């Protein structure tokens, strides 16, 4: 069975919110945290790189792997091109499937831009958890640790639906910001209890994101994403595994839309 492009996007970390050109320093928001989010948002869709996406069993044995070239400066169908799938060159059919998936991802991104431009929701950050989207409450961030180099914040999460919506009690978001650079160094999304993710299926896990400065003039970017997960069916034993995305060979690029001189609203969807 050929490796589906859908499998590659199983590590679910999406942020939507303020983009370049909008006001980031909201009242009550820690300036250091606001600056880190703004730097992160400013770098969206501006890096080409090669990424290796891997899935491992609990014993560390590899179950799936693909190497993909990502380049936002290319036409939509060529923005995510597989280089190797399970150690071999992709077939013509796989290249075709990936081109369709890449085009679909770009179209969803464009639709989101249009929707948010119409609704004016340029102040809403959104974090994609396993089974839903939630809002990180930056204005209510809590300083949990600091030293001479970094400051660590816990950011409360709220269900979508405005200020009266319930706080999230099954996930915890922790971010570490470099004091001098005012940029992210690390982020953790930790489940605090089992979450119902489907019919007779529950999940627990933790996502770790490491940020590195790929080039001196630009902000730090996520280069290593690891999700350790435990899946528990209604009947049968738990199964633990790990997904990993490792990125390298970065090149700063101009997004395809800007190359075409197409005027679009701010991009508020960030795909780690």
C-alpha atoms as a PDB file:
ATOM      1  CA  UNK A   1       0.000   0.000   0.000  1.00  0.00           C
ATOM      2  CA  UNK A   2       1.441   3.407  -0.975  1.00  0.00           C
ATOM      3  CA  UNK A   3       2.098   6.011   1.681  1.00  0.00           C
ATOM      4  CA  UNK A   4      -0.711   8.581   1.569  1.00  0.00           C
ATOM      5  CA  UNK A   5      -0.018  12.330   1.795  1.00  0.00           C
ATOM      6  CA  UNK A   6      -2.675  12.410   4.540  1.00  0.00           C
ATOM      7  CA  UNK A   7      -0.371  10.410   6.826  1.00  0.00           C
ATOM      8  CA  UNK A   8       2.284  13.108   6.597  1.00  0.00           C
ATOM      9  CA  UNK A   9       0.065  15.676   8.316  1.00  0.00           C
ATOM     10  CA  UNK A  10      -0.723  13.649  11.424  1.00  0.00           C
ATOM     11  CA  UNK A  11       1.322  15.901  13.761  1.00  0.00           C
ATOM     12  CA  UNK A  12      -1.482  18.418  14.459  1.00  0.00           C
ATOM     13  CA  UNK A  13      -0.042  21.796  15.365  1.00  0.00           C
ATOM     14  CA  UNK A  14      -1.731  24.779  13.744  1.00  0.00           C
ATOM     15  CA  UNK A  15      -1.870  28.342  14.966  1.00  0.00           C
ATOM     16  CA  UNK A  16      -4.093  31.062  13.586  1.00  0.00           C
ATOM     17  CA  UNK A  17      -4.024  34.647  14.736  1.00  0.00           C
ATOM     18  CA  UNK A  18      -2.314  37.984  14.294  1.00  0.00           C
ATOM     19  CA  UNK A  19      -0.151  38.385  11.214  1.00  0.00           C
ATOM     20  CA  UNK A  20       2.419  40.884   9.988  1.00  0.00           C
ATOM     21  CA  UNK A  21       1.000  44.373   9.893  1.00  0.00           C
ATOM     22  CA  UNK A  22      -1.533  43.868  12.692  1.00  0.00           C
ATOM     23  CA  UNK A  23      -1.263  45.065  16.287  1.00  0.00           C
ATOM     24  CA  UNK A  24       0.445  42.428  18.418  1.00  0.00           C
ATOM     25  CA  UNK A  25       1.050  44.269  21.690  1.00  0.00           C
ATOM     26  CA  UNK A  26      -2.413  44.037  23.205  1.00  0.00           C
ATOM     27  CA  UNK A  27      -3.126  45.395  26.675  1.00  0.00           C
ATOM     28  CA  UNK A  28      -2.231  42.889  29.382  1.00  0.00           C
ATOM     29  CA  UNK A  29      -0.138  40.757  27.060  1.00  0.00           C
ATOM     30  CA  UNK A  30       3.471  40.294  28.263  1.00  0.00           C
ATOM     31  CA  UNK A  31       5.591  42.309  25.785  1.00  0.00           C
ATOM     32  CA  UNK A  32       8.227  39.585  25.541  1.00  0.00           C
ATOM     33  CA  UNK A  33       5.590  36.978  24.684  1.00  0.00           C
ATOM     34  CA  UNK A  34       3.850  39.294  22.216  1.00  0.00           C
ATOM     35  CA  UNK A  35       7.154  39.986  20.452  1.00  0.00           C
ATOM     36  CA  UNK A  36       7.894  36.256  20.169  1.00  0.00           C
ATOM     37  CA  UNK A  37       4.485  35.521  18.642  1.00  0.00           C
ATOM     38  CA  UNK A  38       4.848  38.430  16.220  1.00  0.00           C
ATOM     39  CA  UNK A  39       8.293  37.227  15.102  1.00  0.00           C
ATOM     40  CA  UNK A  40       6.905  33.739  14.609  1.00  0.00           C
ATOM     41  CA  UNK A  41       3.958  35.021  12.577  1.00  0.00           C
ATOM     42  CA  UNK A  42       6.147  37.284  10.451  1.00  0.00           C
ATOM     43  CA  UNK A  43       8.116  34.272   9.231  1.00  0.00           C
ATOM     44  CA  UNK A  44       5.159  32.262   7.993  1.00  0.00           C
ATOM     45  CA  UNK A  45       5.332  30.838   4.462  1.00  0.00           C
ATOM     46  CA  UNK A  46       8.812  32.306   3.984  1.00  0.00           C
ATOM     47  CA  UNK A  47      11.020  29.236   4.284  1.00  0.00           C
ATOM     48  CA  UNK A  48      11.838  26.424   1.884  1.00  0.00           C
ATOM     49  CA  UNK A  49      13.334  23.330   3.486  1.00  0.00           C
ATOM     50  CA  UNK A  50      13.562  19.568   3.424  1.00  0.00           C
ATOM     51  CA  UNK A  51      11.664  17.685   6.103  1.00  0.00           C
ATOM     52  CA  UNK A  52      11.772  14.074   7.184  1.00  0.00           C
ATOM     53  CA  UNK A  53       8.506  12.816   8.653  1.00  0.00           C
ATOM     54  CA  UNK A  54       8.838   9.612  10.676  1.00  0.00           C
ATOM     55  CA  UNK A  55       6.605   7.410  12.811  1.00  0.00           C
ATOM     56  CA  UNK A  56       7.948   5.006  15.442  1.00  0.00           C
ATOM     57  CA  UNK A  57       6.583   2.238  17.618  1.00  0.00           C
ATOM     58  CA  UNK A  58       7.043   2.225  21.400  1.00  0.00           C
ATOM     59  CA  UNK A  59      10.227   0.138  21.028  1.00  0.00           C
ATOM     60  CA  UNK A  60      11.743   2.766  18.714  1.00  0.00           C
ATOM     61  CA  UNK A  61      11.349   0.780  15.502  1.00  0.00           C
ATOM     62  CA  UNK A  62      10.464   2.834  12.430  1.00  0.00           C
ATOM     63  CA  UNK A  63       7.037   2.198  10.897  1.00  0.00           C
ATOM     64  CA  UNK A  64       6.702   4.991   8.304  1.00  0.00           C
ATOM     65  CA  UNK A  65       9.011   7.618   6.820  1.00  0.00           C
ATOM     66  CA  UNK A  66       8.944  10.174   4.032  1.00  0.00           C
ATOM     67  CA  UNK A  67      11.283  12.963   2.933  1.00  0.00           C
ATOM     68  CA  UNK A  68       9.517  16.019   1.509  1.00  0.00           C
ATOM     69  CA  UNK A  69      10.778  19.210  -0.110  1.00  0.00           C
ATOM     70  CA  UNK A  70       8.686  22.174   1.057  1.00  0.00           C
ATOM     71  CA  UNK A  71       8.865  25.428  -0.895  1.00  0.00           C
ATOM     72  CA  UNK A  72       6.158  28.136  -0.502  1.00  0.00           C
ATOM     73  CA  UNK A  73       7.633  30.072  -3.440  1.00  0.00           C
ATOM     74  CA  UNK A  74       6.516  27.401  -5.915  1.00  0.00           C
ATOM     75  CA  UNK A  75       3.078  26.994  -7.540  1.00  0.00           C
ATOM     76  CA  UNK A  76       0.617  25.359  -5.153  1.00  0.00           C
ATOM     77  CA  UNK A  77       0.870  21.851  -6.602  1.00  0.00           C
ATOM     78  CA  UNK A  78       4.654  21.921  -6.152  1.00  0.00           C
ATOM     79  CA  UNK A  79       4.879  23.384  -2.656  1.00  0.00           C
ATOM     80  CA  UNK A  80       5.124  19.941  -1.009  1.00  0.00           C
ATOM     81  CA  UNK A  81       6.936  17.379  -3.162  1.00  0.00           C
ATOM     82  CA  UNK A  82       7.999  13.949  -1.862  1.00  0.00           C
ATOM     83  CA  UNK A  83      11.664  13.090  -2.404  1.00  0.00           C
ATOM     84  CA  UNK A  84      11.664   9.657  -0.772  1.00  0.00           C
ATOM     85  CA  UNK A  85       8.829   7.487   0.534  1.00  0.00           C
ATOM     86  CA  UNK A  86       9.879   4.531   2.642  1.00  0.00           C
ATOM     87  CA  UNK A  87      13.415   4.966   1.323  1.00  0.00           C
ATOM     88  CA  UNK A  88      12.553   4.877  -2.373  1.00  0.00           C
ATOM     89  CA  UNK A  89      11.746   7.468  -5.019  1.00  0.00           C
ATOM     90  CA  UNK A  90       8.024   8.253  -5.336  1.00  0.00           C
ATOM     91  CA  UNK A  91       6.006   6.729  -8.152  1.00  0.00           C
ATOM     92  CA  UNK A  92       4.197   8.827 -10.730  1.00  0.00           C
ATOM     93  CA  UNK A  93       0.926   8.106  -8.942  1.00  0.00           C
ATOM     94  CA  UNK A  94       2.366   9.213  -5.607  1.00  0.00           C
ATOM     95  CA  UNK A  95       3.685  12.432  -7.148  1.00  0.00           C
ATOM     96  CA  UNK A  96       0.226  13.041  -8.602  1.00  0.00           C
ATOM     97  CA  UNK A  97      -1.450  12.396  -5.231  1.00  0.00           C
ATOM     98  CA  UNK A  98       0.952  14.718  -3.473  1.00  0.00           C
ATOM     99  CA  UNK A  99       0.409  17.469  -6.044  1.00  0.00           C
ATOM    100  CA  UNK A 100      -3.363  17.266  -5.457  1.00  0.00           C
ATOM    101  CA  UNK A 101      -2.870  17.338  -1.679  1.00  0.00           C
ATOM    102  CA  UNK A 102      -0.490  20.309  -1.906  1.00  0.00           C
ATOM    103  CA  UNK A 103      -2.982  22.214  -4.061  1.00  0.00           C
ATOM    104  CA  UNK A 104      -5.802  21.439  -1.620  1.00  0.00           C
ATOM    105  CA  UNK A 105      -3.772  22.683   1.358  1.00  0.00           C
ATOM    106  CA  UNK A 106      -3.011  25.956  -0.439  1.00  0.00           C
ATOM    107  CA  UNK A 107      -6.652  26.458  -1.363  1.00  0.00           C
ATOM    108  CA  UNK A 108      -7.733  25.922   2.253  1.00  0.00           C
ATOM    109  CA  UNK A 109      -5.146  28.487   3.294  1.00  0.00           C
ATOM    110  CA  UNK A 110      -6.475  31.012   0.773  1.00  0.00           C
ATOM    111  CA  UNK A 111     -10.061  30.367   1.856  1.00  0.00           C
ATOM    112  CA  UNK A 112      -9.108  30.969   5.478  1.00  0.00           C
ATOM    113  CA  UNK A 113      -7.549  34.285   4.514  1.00  0.00           C
ATOM    114  CA  UNK A 114     -10.733  35.341   2.754  1.00  0.00           C
ATOM    115  CA  UNK A 115     -12.958  34.214   5.631  1.00  0.00           C
ATOM    116  CA  UNK A 116     -10.924  36.018   8.271  1.00  0.00           C
ATOM    117  CA  UNK A 117     -10.740  39.148   6.133  1.00  0.00           C
ATOM    118  CA  UNK A 118     -14.550  39.195   5.934  1.00  0.00           C
ATOM    119  CA  UNK A 119     -15.144  38.438   9.616  1.00  0.00           C
ATOM    120  CA  UNK A 120     -12.343  40.704  10.821  1.00  0.00           C
ATOM    121  CA  UNK A 121     -11.085  38.015  13.195  1.00  0.00           C
ATOM    122  CA  UNK A 122      -7.504  39.291  13.106  1.00  0.00           C
ATOM    123  CA  UNK A 123      -7.113  39.238  16.876  1.00  0.00           C
ATOM    124  CA  UNK A 124      -8.005  35.584  17.438  1.00  0.00           C
ATOM    125  CA  UNK A 125      -5.219  33.084  17.855  1.00  0.00           C
ATOM    126  CA  UNK A 126      -6.252  29.492  17.313  1.00  0.00           C
ATOM    127  CA  UNK A 127      -4.435  26.365  18.354  1.00  0.00           C
ATOM    128  CA  UNK A 128      -5.351  23.037  16.752  1.00  0.00           C
ATOM    129  CA  UNK A 129      -5.470  20.292  19.342  1.00  0.00           C
ATOM    130  CA  UNK A 130      -6.090  16.644  18.516  1.00  0.00           C
ATOM    131  CA  UNK A 131      -9.852  16.896  18.205  1.00  0.00           C
ATOM    132  CA  UNK A 132     -10.713  20.619  18.072  1.00  0.00           C
ATOM    133  CA  UNK A 133      -9.527  24.217  17.820  1.00  0.00           C
ATOM    134  CA  UNK A 134      -9.095  26.401  20.912  1.00  0.00           C
ATOM    135  CA  UNK A 135      -7.984  29.961  21.678  1.00  0.00           C
ATOM    136  CA  UNK A 136      -4.698  30.610  23.525  1.00  0.00           C
ATOM    137  CA  UNK A 137      -5.284  33.473  25.988  1.00  0.00           C
ATOM    138  CA  UNK A 138      -2.061  35.460  25.613  1.00  0.00           C
ATOM    139  CA  UNK A 139      -3.398  38.301  27.740  1.00  0.00           C
ATOM    140  CA  UNK A 140      -3.691  35.859  30.656  1.00  0.00           C
ATOM    141  CA  UNK A 141      -0.289  34.191  30.238  1.00  0.00           C
ATOM    142  CA  UNK A 142       1.428  33.175  33.481  1.00  0.00           C
ATOM    143  CA  UNK A 143       5.173  33.485  34.033  1.00  0.00           C
ATOM    144  CA  UNK A 144       6.243  30.094  35.384  1.00  0.00           C
ATOM    145  CA  UNK A 145      10.071  30.248  35.196  1.00  0.00           C
ATOM    146  CA  UNK A 146      12.888  32.564  34.183  1.00  0.00           C
ATOM    147  CA  UNK A 147      16.660  32.817  34.187  1.00  0.00           C
ATOM    148  CA  UNK A 148      19.218  35.150  32.639  1.00  0.00           C
ATOM    149  CA  UNK A 149      18.591  33.744  29.144  1.00  0.00           C
ATOM    150  CA  UNK A 150      14.943  32.647  28.882  1.00  0.00           C
ATOM    151  CA  UNK A 151      11.448  33.277  30.219  1.00  0.00           C
ATOM    152  CA  UNK A 152       8.829  30.504  30.295  1.00  0.00           C
ATOM    153  CA  UNK A 153       5.088  31.159  30.140  1.00  0.00           C
ATOM    154  CA  UNK A 154       2.037  28.968  30.595  1.00  0.00           C
ATOM    155  CA  UNK A 155      -0.747  30.174  28.290  1.00  0.00           C
ATOM    156  CA  UNK A 156      -4.327  29.283  29.335  1.00  0.00           C
ATOM    157  CA  UNK A 157      -6.576  27.865  26.615  1.00  0.00           C
ATOM    158  CA  UNK A 158     -10.263  28.502  26.049  1.00  0.00           C
ATOM    159  CA  UNK A 159     -12.838  26.742  23.909  1.00  0.00           C
ATOM    160  CA  UNK A 160     -13.984  28.741  20.895  1.00  0.00           C
ATOM    161  CA  UNK A 161     -17.018  30.905  21.500  1.00  0.00           C
ATOM    162  CA  UNK A 162     -15.739  34.131  23.032  1.00  0.00           C
ATOM    163  CA  UNK A 163     -14.943  35.222  26.603  1.00  0.00           C
ATOM    164  CA  UNK A 164     -17.806  33.233  28.110  1.00  0.00           C
ATOM    165  CA  UNK A 165     -16.603  29.914  26.675  1.00  0.00           C
ATOM    166  CA  UNK A 166     -15.175  27.310  29.035  1.00  0.00           C
ATOM    167  CA  UNK A 167     -11.475  27.043  29.781  1.00  0.00           C
ATOM    168  CA  UNK A 168      -9.703  23.975  28.387  1.00  0.00           C
ATOM    169  CA  UNK A 169      -8.902  21.453  31.122  1.00  0.00           C
ATOM    170  CA  UNK A 170      -7.330  18.640  29.099  1.00  0.00           C
ATOM    171  CA  UNK A 171      -4.345  20.401  27.472  1.00  0.00           C
ATOM    172  CA  UNK A 172      -1.555  22.672  28.690  1.00  0.00           C
ATOM    173  CA  UNK A 173       0.493  25.082  26.531  1.00  0.00           C
ATOM    174  CA  UNK A 174       3.981  26.102  27.699  1.00  0.00           C
ATOM    175  CA  UNK A 175       6.343  28.348  25.669  1.00  0.00           C
ATOM    176  CA  UNK A 176       9.941  29.384  26.309  1.00  0.00           C
ATOM    177  CA  UNK A 177      11.146  32.750  24.964  1.00  0.00           C
ATOM    178  CA  UNK A 178      14.734  33.945  24.587  1.00  0.00           C
ATOM    179  CA  UNK A 179      15.129  37.253  26.436  1.00  0.00           C
ATOM    180  CA  UNK A 180      17.674  38.858  24.119  1.00  0.00           C
ATOM    181  CA  UNK A 181      16.246  37.712  20.801  1.00  0.00           C
ATOM    182  CA  UNK A 182      12.599  38.011  21.922  1.00  0.00           C
ATOM    183  CA  UNK A 183      11.850  34.836  19.980  1.00  0.00           C
ATOM    184  CA  UNK A 184      10.630  31.334  20.767  1.00  0.00           C
ATOM    185  CA  UNK A 185      13.063  28.611  21.757  1.00  0.00           C
ATOM    186  CA  UNK A 186      10.659  25.836  22.697  1.00  0.00           C
ATOM    187  CA  UNK A 187       6.956  25.045  22.966  1.00  0.00           C
ATOM    188  CA  UNK A 188       5.146  22.176  24.662  1.00  0.00           C
ATOM    189  CA  UNK A 189       1.540  21.068  24.246  1.00  0.00           C
ATOM    190  CA  UNK A 190       0.826  18.506  26.950  1.00  0.00           C
ATOM    191  CA  UNK A 191      -2.356  16.552  27.503  1.00  0.00           C
ATOM    192  CA  UNK A 192      -3.378  16.520  31.136  1.00  0.00           C
ATOM    193  CA  UNK A 193      -5.800  13.622  30.703  1.00  0.00           C
ATOM    194  CA  UNK A 194      -7.098  11.156  28.125  1.00  0.00           C
ATOM    195  CA  UNK A 195      -9.150  12.789  25.362  1.00  0.00           C
ATOM    196  CA  UNK A 196     -11.983  11.150  23.434  1.00  0.00           C
ATOM    197  CA  UNK A 197     -10.946  11.397  19.757  1.00  0.00           C
ATOM    198  CA  UNK A 198     -13.369   9.063  17.997  1.00  0.00           C
ATOM    199  CA  UNK A 199     -15.817   6.219  18.349  1.00  0.00           C
ATOM    200  CA  UNK A 200     -14.355   4.016  21.050  1.00  0.00           C
ATOM    201  CA  UNK A 201     -10.947   5.702  20.835  1.00  0.00           C
ATOM    202  CA  UNK A 202      -9.053   7.826  23.342  1.00  0.00           C
ATOM    203  CA  UNK A 203      -5.673   9.516  23.125  1.00  0.00           C
ATOM    204  CA  UNK A 204      -3.017  10.950  25.422  1.00  0.00           C
ATOM    205  CA  UNK A 205       0.279  12.571  24.526  1.00  0.00           C
ATOM    206  CA  UNK A 206       2.706  15.461  24.414  1.00  0.00           C
ATOM    207  CA  UNK A 207       4.010  17.597  21.541  1.00  0.00           C
ATOM    208  CA  UNK A 208       7.435  19.254  21.745  1.00  0.00           C
ATOM    209  CA  UNK A 209       8.541  21.953  19.279  1.00  0.00           C
ATOM    210  CA  UNK A 210      12.142  23.162  19.062  1.00  0.00           C
ATOM    211  CA  UNK A 211      12.929  26.520  17.432  1.00  0.00           C
ATOM    212  CA  UNK A 212      16.273  27.458  15.837  1.00  0.00           C
ATOM    213  CA  UNK A 213      17.575  30.517  14.027  1.00  0.00           C
ATOM    214  CA  UNK A 214      18.070  29.222  10.487  1.00  0.00           C
ATOM    215  CA  UNK A 215      19.596  32.488   9.226  1.00  0.00           C
ATOM    216  CA  UNK A 216      20.917  35.446  11.200  1.00  0.00           C
ATOM    217  CA  UNK A 217      18.592  38.226   9.940  1.00  0.00           C
ATOM    218  CA  UNK A 218      15.393  36.222  10.538  1.00  0.00           C
ATOM    219  CA  UNK A 219      13.375  34.977  13.536  1.00  0.00           C
ATOM    220  CA  UNK A 220      13.652  31.487  14.965  1.00  0.00           C
ATOM    221  CA  UNK A 221      11.545  28.825  13.253  1.00  0.00           C
ATOM    222  CA  UNK A 222      10.307  25.355  14.288  1.00  0.00           C
ATOM    223  CA  UNK A 223      12.853  22.768  13.130  1.00  0.00           C
ATOM    224  CA  UNK A 224      12.034  19.670  15.190  1.00  0.00           C
ATOM    225  CA  UNK A 225       8.531  18.559  16.164  1.00  0.00           C
ATOM    226  CA  UNK A 226       7.972  15.441  18.228  1.00  0.00           C
ATOM    227  CA  UNK A 227       4.680  13.980  19.357  1.00  0.00           C
ATOM    228  CA  UNK A 228       4.642  11.076  21.777  1.00  0.00           C
ATOM    229  CA  UNK A 229       1.160   9.577  21.859  1.00  0.00           C
ATOM    230  CA  UNK A 230      -0.834   6.796  23.468  1.00  0.00           C
ATOM    231  CA  UNK A 231      -3.946   5.523  21.729  1.00  0.00           C
ATOM    232  CA  UNK A 232      -6.462   3.560  23.786  1.00  0.00           C
ATOM    233  CA  UNK A 233      -9.313   1.783  21.976  1.00  0.00           C
ATOM    234  CA  UNK A 234     -12.489   0.936  23.856  1.00  0.00           C
ATOM    235  CA  UNK A 235     -11.437  -2.703  23.797  1.00  0.00           C
ATOM    236  CA  UNK A 236      -7.842  -3.895  23.774  1.00  0.00           C
ATOM    237  CA  UNK A 237      -4.497  -2.616  25.049  1.00  0.00           C
ATOM    238  CA  UNK A 238      -3.026   0.871  24.801  1.00  0.00           C
ATOM    239  CA  UNK A 239      -0.584   1.539  21.971  1.00  0.00           C
ATOM    240  CA  UNK A 240       2.218   4.059  22.369  1.00  0.00           C
ATOM    241  CA  UNK A 241       4.209   5.583  19.525  1.00  0.00           C
ATOM    242  CA  UNK A 242       6.043   8.670  18.386  1.00  0.00           C
ATOM    243  CA  UNK A 243       5.765  10.927  15.320  1.00  0.00           C
ATOM    244  CA  UNK A 244       8.615  13.251  14.375  1.00  0.00           C
ATOM    245  CA  UNK A 245       9.192  16.017  11.829  1.00  0.00           C
ATOM    246  CA  UNK A 246      12.832  17.038  11.324  1.00  0.00           C
ATOM    247  CA  UNK A 247      13.571  20.023   9.052  1.00  0.00           C
ATOM    248  CA  UNK A 248      16.884  21.102   7.491  1.00  0.00           C
ATOM    249  CA  UNK A 249      18.482  22.903   4.505  1.00  0.00           C
ATOM    250  CA  UNK A 250      16.543  26.126   4.995  1.00  0.00           C
ATOM    251  CA  UNK A 251      16.323  28.859   2.391  1.00  0.00           C
ATOM    252  CA  UNK A 252      14.446  32.125   2.844  1.00  0.00           C
ATOM    253  CA  UNK A 253      11.959  32.606  -0.014  1.00  0.00           C
ATOM    254  CA  UNK A 254       9.202  34.913  -1.227  1.00  0.00           C
ATOM    255  CA  UNK A 255       5.730  33.305  -1.012  1.00  0.00           C
ATOM    256  CA  UNK A 256       4.149  32.349  -4.315  1.00  0.00           C
ATOM    257  CA  UNK A 257       1.317  34.880  -3.933  1.00  0.00           C
ATOM    258  CA  UNK A 258       3.802  37.720  -3.463  1.00  0.00           C
ATOM    259  CA  UNK A 259       5.806  36.584  -6.473  1.00  0.00           C
ATOM    260  CA  UNK A 260       2.623  36.911  -8.517  1.00  0.00           C
ATOM    261  CA  UNK A 261       1.998  40.336  -6.952  1.00  0.00           C
ATOM    262  CA  UNK A 262      -1.409  39.105  -5.791  1.00  0.00           C
ATOM    263  CA  UNK A 263      -2.883  41.272  -3.031  1.00  0.00           C
ATOM    264  CA  UNK A 264      -4.211  39.042  -0.251  1.00  0.00           C
ATOM    265  CA  UNK A 265      -5.263  39.551   3.309  1.00  0.00           C
ATOM    266  CA  UNK A 266      -2.861  38.611   6.113  1.00  0.00           C
ATOM    267  CA  UNK A 267      -2.116  34.909   6.431  1.00  0.00           C
ATOM    268  CA  UNK A 268      -3.454  33.837   9.825  1.00  0.00           C
ATOM    269  CA  UNK A 269      -2.900  30.118   9.539  1.00  0.00           C
ATOM    270  CA  UNK A 270       0.509  28.872  10.632  1.00  0.00           C
ATOM    271  CA  UNK A 271       1.394  25.298   9.824  1.00  0.00           C
ATOM    272  CA  UNK A 272       4.278  24.124  12.014  1.00  0.00           C
END
